[in-house]
Amino acid sequence: MSKKESPIEVAQVGRLVGLRGELKLHIHSDFPEQFCAGKTFTTQKNLKLEIASYNEKRGLVLFRGYESRESALCLVNSFLLTTMESTLEDCKLDDDELFWFDIIGCEVKENESILGVVSDIERIGDTDYMVIKTDKTLVAKELSKTFFLPYIDRYVLSSDKEIKVVHVKDGLELLECS
């Protein structure tokens, strides 16, 4: 499976609400506009789901073919997945914005020193943190094998998805405190 086809989790289906098969939708994406009638997603069990309606204010979704409480029950706790290709089509970024999948795999550099590679991104509160697998030369100096670095202007100077590099400041200090 190519990177463009690998699944990206965008939401989790929660509890049933009401009698018509509506479900609470917990969005794990910065692009709620992608959850509209007619849009299809795949679940972790490879089930294709098409949105019949979505109420953004109430956070409720109804899937086509699951319009009763009994039929929708099997969807509770399902994860909605999409692909990178679909995300690039459906979600528009500003010029200075990047998707998480653009950042994951990037080398993290401070000045000319490599601190490590972004292995994942975690959202804690309103802040995205890069989970960085520390470079082996720094691990050999008995520094932590992984550390978190907030993806905010205070630390991130620039990101280049083409050459897969994130330039940071004060990252080494955070690593040393990890």
C-alpha atoms as a PDB file:
ATOM      1  CA  MET A   1       0.000   0.000   0.000  1.00  0.00           C
ATOM      2  CA  SER A   2       1.466   3.373  -1.020  1.00  0.00           C
ATOM      3  CA  LYS A   3       1.623   6.337   1.355  1.00  0.00           C
ATOM      4  CA  LYS A   4      -1.168   8.044  -0.632  1.00  0.00           C
ATOM      5  CA  GLU A   5      -3.431   5.028  -0.054  1.00  0.00           C
ATOM      6  CA  SER A   6      -2.618   4.420   3.618  1.00  0.00           C
ATOM      7  CA  PRO A   7      -5.531   5.206   5.946  1.00  0.00           C
ATOM      8  CA  ILE A   8      -5.807   8.434   7.904  1.00  0.00           C
ATOM      9  CA  GLU A   9      -8.112   8.453  10.923  1.00  0.00           C
ATOM     10  CA  VAL A  10     -10.415  11.483  10.792  1.00  0.00           C
ATOM     11  CA  ALA A  11     -13.182  10.670  13.306  1.00  0.00           C
ATOM     12  CA  GLN A  12     -14.608   8.153  15.739  1.00  0.00           C
ATOM     13  CA  VAL A  13     -18.259   7.215  15.874  1.00  0.00           C
ATOM     14  CA  GLY A  14     -19.688   7.533  19.371  1.00  0.00           C
ATOM     15  CA  ARG A  15     -22.936   6.604  21.074  1.00  0.00           C
ATOM     16  CA  LEU A  16     -26.403   6.387  19.583  1.00  0.00           C
ATOM     17  CA  VAL A  17     -28.602   9.480  19.941  1.00  0.00           C
ATOM     18  CA  GLY A  18     -32.352   9.300  19.419  1.00  0.00           C
ATOM     19  CA  LEU A  19     -34.396   6.755  17.479  1.00  0.00           C
ATOM     20  CA  ARG A  20     -33.378   7.391  13.846  1.00  0.00           C
ATOM     21  CA  GLY A  21     -29.872   5.937  13.960  1.00  0.00           C
ATOM     22  CA  GLU A  22     -28.048   9.212  14.555  1.00  0.00           C
ATOM     23  CA  LEU A  23     -24.649   8.814  16.175  1.00  0.00           C
ATOM     24  CA  LYS A  24     -22.340  11.196  18.008  1.00  0.00           C
ATOM     25  CA  LEU A  25     -19.322  11.982  15.814  1.00  0.00           C
ATOM     26  CA  HIS A  26     -15.981  12.776  17.472  1.00  0.00           C
ATOM     27  CA  ILE A  27     -13.919  14.568  14.826  1.00  0.00           C
ATOM     28  CA  HIS A  28     -10.149  14.098  14.890  1.00  0.00           C
ATOM     29  CA  SER A  29      -9.529  16.497  12.010  1.00  0.00           C
ATOM     30  CA  ASP A  30      -9.157  20.224  11.515  1.00  0.00           C
ATOM     31  CA  PHE A  31     -11.522  20.006   8.528  1.00  0.00           C
ATOM     32  CA  PRO A  32     -15.121  19.430   9.667  1.00  0.00           C
ATOM     33  CA  GLU A  33     -16.326  20.506   6.215  1.00  0.00           C
ATOM     34  CA  GLN A  34     -15.375  17.073   4.861  1.00  0.00           C
ATOM     35  CA  PHE A  35     -18.245  15.529   6.855  1.00  0.00           C
ATOM     36  CA  CYS A  36     -21.102  16.295   4.482  1.00  0.00           C
ATOM     37  CA  ALA A  37     -23.949  14.362   2.886  1.00  0.00           C
ATOM     38  CA  GLY A  38     -22.711  12.010   0.167  1.00  0.00           C
ATOM     39  CA  LYS A  39     -19.128  11.744   1.474  1.00  0.00           C
ATOM     40  CA  THR A  40     -17.913   8.188   2.027  1.00  0.00           C
ATOM     41  CA  PHE A  41     -15.431   6.879   4.551  1.00  0.00           C
ATOM     42  CA  THR A  42     -14.020   3.459   5.355  1.00  0.00           C
ATOM     43  CA  THR A  43     -13.940   1.956   8.849  1.00  0.00           C
ATOM     44  CA  GLN A  44     -11.129  -0.010  10.465  1.00  0.00           C
ATOM     45  CA  LYS A  45     -13.147  -3.142   9.533  1.00  0.00           C
ATOM     46  CA  ASN A  46     -13.101  -2.057   5.852  1.00  0.00           C
ATOM     47  CA  LEU A  47     -16.808  -1.153   5.892  1.00  0.00           C
ATOM     48  CA  LYS A  48     -17.770   1.660   3.475  1.00  0.00           C
ATOM     49  CA  LEU A  49     -20.060   4.272   5.035  1.00  0.00           C
ATOM     50  CA  GLU A  50     -21.803   7.113   3.232  1.00  0.00           C
ATOM     51  CA  ILE A  51     -22.992  10.117   5.211  1.00  0.00           C
ATOM     52  CA  ALA A  52     -26.720  10.712   4.768  1.00  0.00           C
ATOM     53  CA  SER A  53     -26.692  13.814   6.975  1.00  0.00           C
ATOM     54  CA  TYR A  54     -24.418  15.600   9.415  1.00  0.00           C
ATOM     55  CA  ASN A  55     -25.483  18.158  12.029  1.00  0.00           C
ATOM     56  CA  GLU A  56     -22.338  20.134  12.848  1.00  0.00           C
ATOM     57  CA  LYS A  57     -23.921  22.050  15.743  1.00  0.00           C
ATOM     58  CA  ARG A  58     -25.006  18.881  17.536  1.00  0.00           C
ATOM     59  CA  GLY A  59     -22.121  16.728  16.270  1.00  0.00           C
ATOM     60  CA  LEU A  60     -24.512  14.056  14.989  1.00  0.00           C
ATOM     61  CA  VAL A  61     -24.098  11.921  11.886  1.00  0.00           C
ATOM     62  CA  LEU A  62     -26.513   9.601  10.084  1.00  0.00           C
ATOM     63  CA  PHE A  63     -25.179   7.007   7.636  1.00  0.00           C
ATOM     64  CA  ARG A  64     -27.070   5.814   4.567  1.00  0.00           C
ATOM     65  CA  GLY A  65     -28.402   2.296   5.149  1.00  0.00           C
ATOM     66  CA  TYR A  66     -28.183   2.699   8.933  1.00  0.00           C
ATOM     67  CA  GLU A  67     -31.243   4.879   9.519  1.00  0.00           C
ATOM     68  CA  SER A  68     -32.583   2.954  12.496  1.00  0.00           C
ATOM     69  CA  ARG A  69     -31.300   2.644  16.022  1.00  0.00           C
ATOM     70  CA  GLU A  70     -30.899  -1.139  15.648  1.00  0.00           C
ATOM     71  CA  SER A  71     -28.893  -0.993  12.412  1.00  0.00           C
ATOM     72  CA  ALA A  72     -26.669   1.887  13.562  1.00  0.00           C
ATOM     73  CA  LEU A  73     -25.724   0.142  16.813  1.00  0.00           C
ATOM     74  CA  CYS A  74     -23.001  -1.878  15.049  1.00  0.00           C
ATOM     75  CA  LEU A  75     -21.223   1.379  14.058  1.00  0.00           C
ATOM     76  CA  VAL A  76     -20.606   2.592  17.626  1.00  0.00           C
ATOM     77  CA  ASN A  77     -16.855   2.993  18.310  1.00  0.00           C
ATOM     78  CA  SER A  78     -15.929   2.655  14.626  1.00  0.00           C
ATOM     79  CA  PHE A  79     -13.121   4.824  13.301  1.00  0.00           C
ATOM     80  CA  LEU A  80     -13.706   6.749  10.061  1.00  0.00           C
ATOM     81  CA  LEU A  81     -10.726   6.572   7.754  1.00  0.00           C
ATOM     82  CA  THR A  82      -9.812   8.399   4.571  1.00  0.00           C
ATOM     83  CA  THR A  83      -6.721   8.515   2.353  1.00  0.00           C
ATOM     84  CA  MET A  84      -4.052  11.136   1.780  1.00  0.00           C
ATOM     85  CA  GLU A  85      -5.267  11.521  -1.792  1.00  0.00           C
ATOM     86  CA  SER A  86      -8.846  12.152  -0.661  1.00  0.00           C
ATOM     87  CA  THR A  87      -7.633  14.568   2.023  1.00  0.00           C
ATOM     88  CA  LEU A  88      -5.636  16.562  -0.536  1.00  0.00           C
ATOM     89  CA  GLU A  89      -8.773  16.834  -2.713  1.00  0.00           C
ATOM     90  CA  ASP A  90     -11.242  17.689   0.065  1.00  0.00           C
ATOM     91  CA  CYS A  91      -9.241  19.853   2.469  1.00  0.00           C
ATOM     92  CA  LYS A  92      -7.705  23.149   1.425  1.00  0.00           C
ATOM     93  CA  LEU A  93      -4.789  24.664   3.314  1.00  0.00           C
ATOM     94  CA  ASP A  94      -3.440  28.187   3.473  1.00  0.00           C
ATOM     95  CA  ASP A  95       0.010  28.732   1.953  1.00  0.00           C
ATOM     96  CA  ASP A  96       1.850  28.408   5.270  1.00  0.00           C
ATOM     97  CA  GLU A  97      -0.065  25.334   6.526  1.00  0.00           C
ATOM     98  CA  LEU A  98       0.847  21.642   6.318  1.00  0.00           C
ATOM     99  CA  PHE A  99      -0.948  18.370   6.965  1.00  0.00           C
ATOM    100  CA  TRP A 100       0.307  16.087   9.727  1.00  0.00           C
ATOM    101  CA  PHE A 101       1.343  13.539   7.108  1.00  0.00           C
ATOM    102  CA  ASP A 102       3.598  16.228   5.588  1.00  0.00           C
ATOM    103  CA  ILE A 103       5.438  16.594   8.928  1.00  0.00           C
ATOM    104  CA  ILE A 104       5.667  12.930   9.965  1.00  0.00           C
ATOM    105  CA  GLY A 105       8.955  11.519   8.702  1.00  0.00           C
ATOM    106  CA  CYS A 106      10.705  14.903   8.606  1.00  0.00           C
ATOM    107  CA  GLU A 107      14.167  15.342  10.056  1.00  0.00           C
ATOM    108  CA  VAL A 108      14.249  17.831  12.932  1.00  0.00           C
ATOM    109  CA  LYS A 109      17.263  20.143  12.841  1.00  0.00           C
ATOM    110  CA  GLU A 110      18.501  22.791  15.213  1.00  0.00           C
ATOM    111  CA  ASN A 111      21.169  24.905  13.544  1.00  0.00           C
ATOM    112  CA  GLU A 112      22.909  22.133  11.586  1.00  0.00           C
ATOM    113  CA  SER A 113      22.527  19.408  14.218  1.00  0.00           C
ATOM    114  CA  ILE A 114      19.981  16.644  13.644  1.00  0.00           C
ATOM    115  CA  LEU A 115      17.831  16.136  16.743  1.00  0.00           C
ATOM    116  CA  GLY A 116      15.825  13.260  15.286  1.00  0.00           C
ATOM    117  CA  VAL A 117      12.881  12.358  13.064  1.00  0.00           C
ATOM    118  CA  VAL A 118       9.172  13.118  13.607  1.00  0.00           C
ATOM    119  CA  SER A 119       7.549   9.727  14.236  1.00  0.00           C
ATOM    120  CA  ASP A 120       4.049  10.968  15.074  1.00  0.00           C
ATOM    121  CA  ILE A 121       2.026  14.021  16.085  1.00  0.00           C
ATOM    122  CA  GLU A 122      -0.115  14.163  19.226  1.00  0.00           C
ATOM    123  CA  ARG A 123      -2.721  16.810  19.946  1.00  0.00           C
ATOM    124  CA  ILE A 124      -2.858  17.741  23.607  1.00  0.00           C
ATOM    125  CA  GLY A 125      -5.436  20.424  24.325  1.00  0.00           C
ATOM    126  CA  ASP A 126      -5.182  22.896  21.450  1.00  0.00           C
ATOM    127  CA  THR A 127      -1.495  22.267  20.752  1.00  0.00           C
ATOM    128  CA  ASP A 128       0.056  19.786  18.326  1.00  0.00           C
ATOM    129  CA  TYR A 129       3.228  18.121  19.587  1.00  0.00           C
ATOM    130  CA  MET A 130       5.741  16.424  17.317  1.00  0.00           C
ATOM    131  CA  VAL A 131       6.810  13.084  18.758  1.00  0.00           C
ATOM    132  CA  ILE A 132      10.477  12.939  17.814  1.00  0.00           C
ATOM    133  CA  LYS A 133      12.564   9.787  17.710  1.00  0.00           C
ATOM    134  CA  THR A 134      15.908  11.097  18.914  1.00  0.00           C
ATOM    135  CA  ASP A 135      18.941  10.746  16.637  1.00  0.00           C
ATOM    136  CA  LYS A 136      21.176   7.828  17.684  1.00  0.00           C
ATOM    137  CA  THR A 137      24.187  10.114  18.272  1.00  0.00           C
ATOM    138  CA  LEU A 138      22.195  11.965  20.955  1.00  0.00           C
ATOM    139  CA  VAL A 139      20.831   8.732  22.434  1.00  0.00           C
ATOM    140  CA  ALA A 140      24.466   7.572  22.731  1.00  0.00           C
ATOM    141  CA  LYS A 141      25.006  10.643  24.946  1.00  0.00           C
ATOM    142  CA  GLU A 142      22.333   9.178  27.245  1.00  0.00           C
ATOM    143  CA  LEU A 143      19.547  11.527  26.152  1.00  0.00           C
ATOM    144  CA  SER A 144      15.952  10.321  25.877  1.00  0.00           C
ATOM    145  CA  LYS A 145      15.064   8.030  22.949  1.00  0.00           C
ATOM    146  CA  THR A 146      11.963  10.122  22.162  1.00  0.00           C
ATOM    147  CA  PHE A 147      10.726  13.568  23.122  1.00  0.00           C
ATOM    148  CA  PHE A 148       7.866  15.955  22.442  1.00  0.00           C
ATOM    149  CA  LEU A 149       8.286  19.329  20.760  1.00  0.00           C
ATOM    150  CA  PRO A 150       5.304  21.694  20.421  1.00  0.00           C
ATOM    151  CA  TYR A 151       4.552  22.642  16.821  1.00  0.00           C
ATOM    152  CA  ILE A 152       4.284  26.364  17.622  1.00  0.00           C
ATOM    153  CA  ASP A 153       6.175  29.460  16.464  1.00  0.00           C
ATOM    154  CA  ARG A 154       8.149  29.560  19.721  1.00  0.00           C
ATOM    155  CA  TYR A 155      10.004  26.392  18.641  1.00  0.00           C
ATOM    156  CA  VAL A 156       9.402  25.841  14.915  1.00  0.00           C
ATOM    157  CA  LEU A 157      11.281  28.199  12.613  1.00  0.00           C
ATOM    158  CA  SER A 158      10.336  26.586   9.291  1.00  0.00           C
ATOM    159  CA  SER A 159       9.081  23.360   7.741  1.00  0.00           C
ATOM    160  CA  ASP A 160       9.845  22.103   4.254  1.00  0.00           C
ATOM    161  CA  LYS A 161       7.750  19.147   3.142  1.00  0.00           C
ATOM    162  CA  GLU A 162       9.702  18.809  -0.113  1.00  0.00           C
ATOM    163  CA  ILE A 163      13.062  18.095   1.542  1.00  0.00           C
ATOM    164  CA  LYS A 164      11.376  16.688   4.705  1.00  0.00           C
ATOM    165  CA  VAL A 165      13.056  18.995   7.248  1.00  0.00           C
ATOM    166  CA  VAL A 166      11.700  20.966  10.209  1.00  0.00           C
ATOM    167  CA  HIS A 167      14.059  23.660  11.526  1.00  0.00           C
ATOM    168  CA  VAL A 168      13.600  24.390  15.232  1.00  0.00           C
ATOM    169  CA  LYS A 169      15.092  26.430  18.044  1.00  0.00           C
ATOM    170  CA  ASP A 170      15.499  25.392  21.691  1.00  0.00           C
ATOM    171  CA  GLY A 171      14.638  21.780  20.787  1.00  0.00           C
ATOM    172  CA  LEU A 172      17.865  20.453  22.250  1.00  0.00           C
ATOM    173  CA  GLU A 173      16.990  22.144  25.533  1.00  0.00           C
ATOM    174  CA  LEU A 174      13.620  20.324  25.594  1.00  0.00           C
ATOM    175  CA  LEU A 175      15.342  17.040  24.749  1.00  0.00           C
ATOM    176  CA  GLU A 176      17.822  17.499  27.599  1.00  0.00           C
ATOM    177  CA  CYS A 177      14.927  18.078  30.009  1.00  0.00           C
ATOM    178  CA  SER A 178      13.044  14.980  28.791  1.00  0.00           C
END
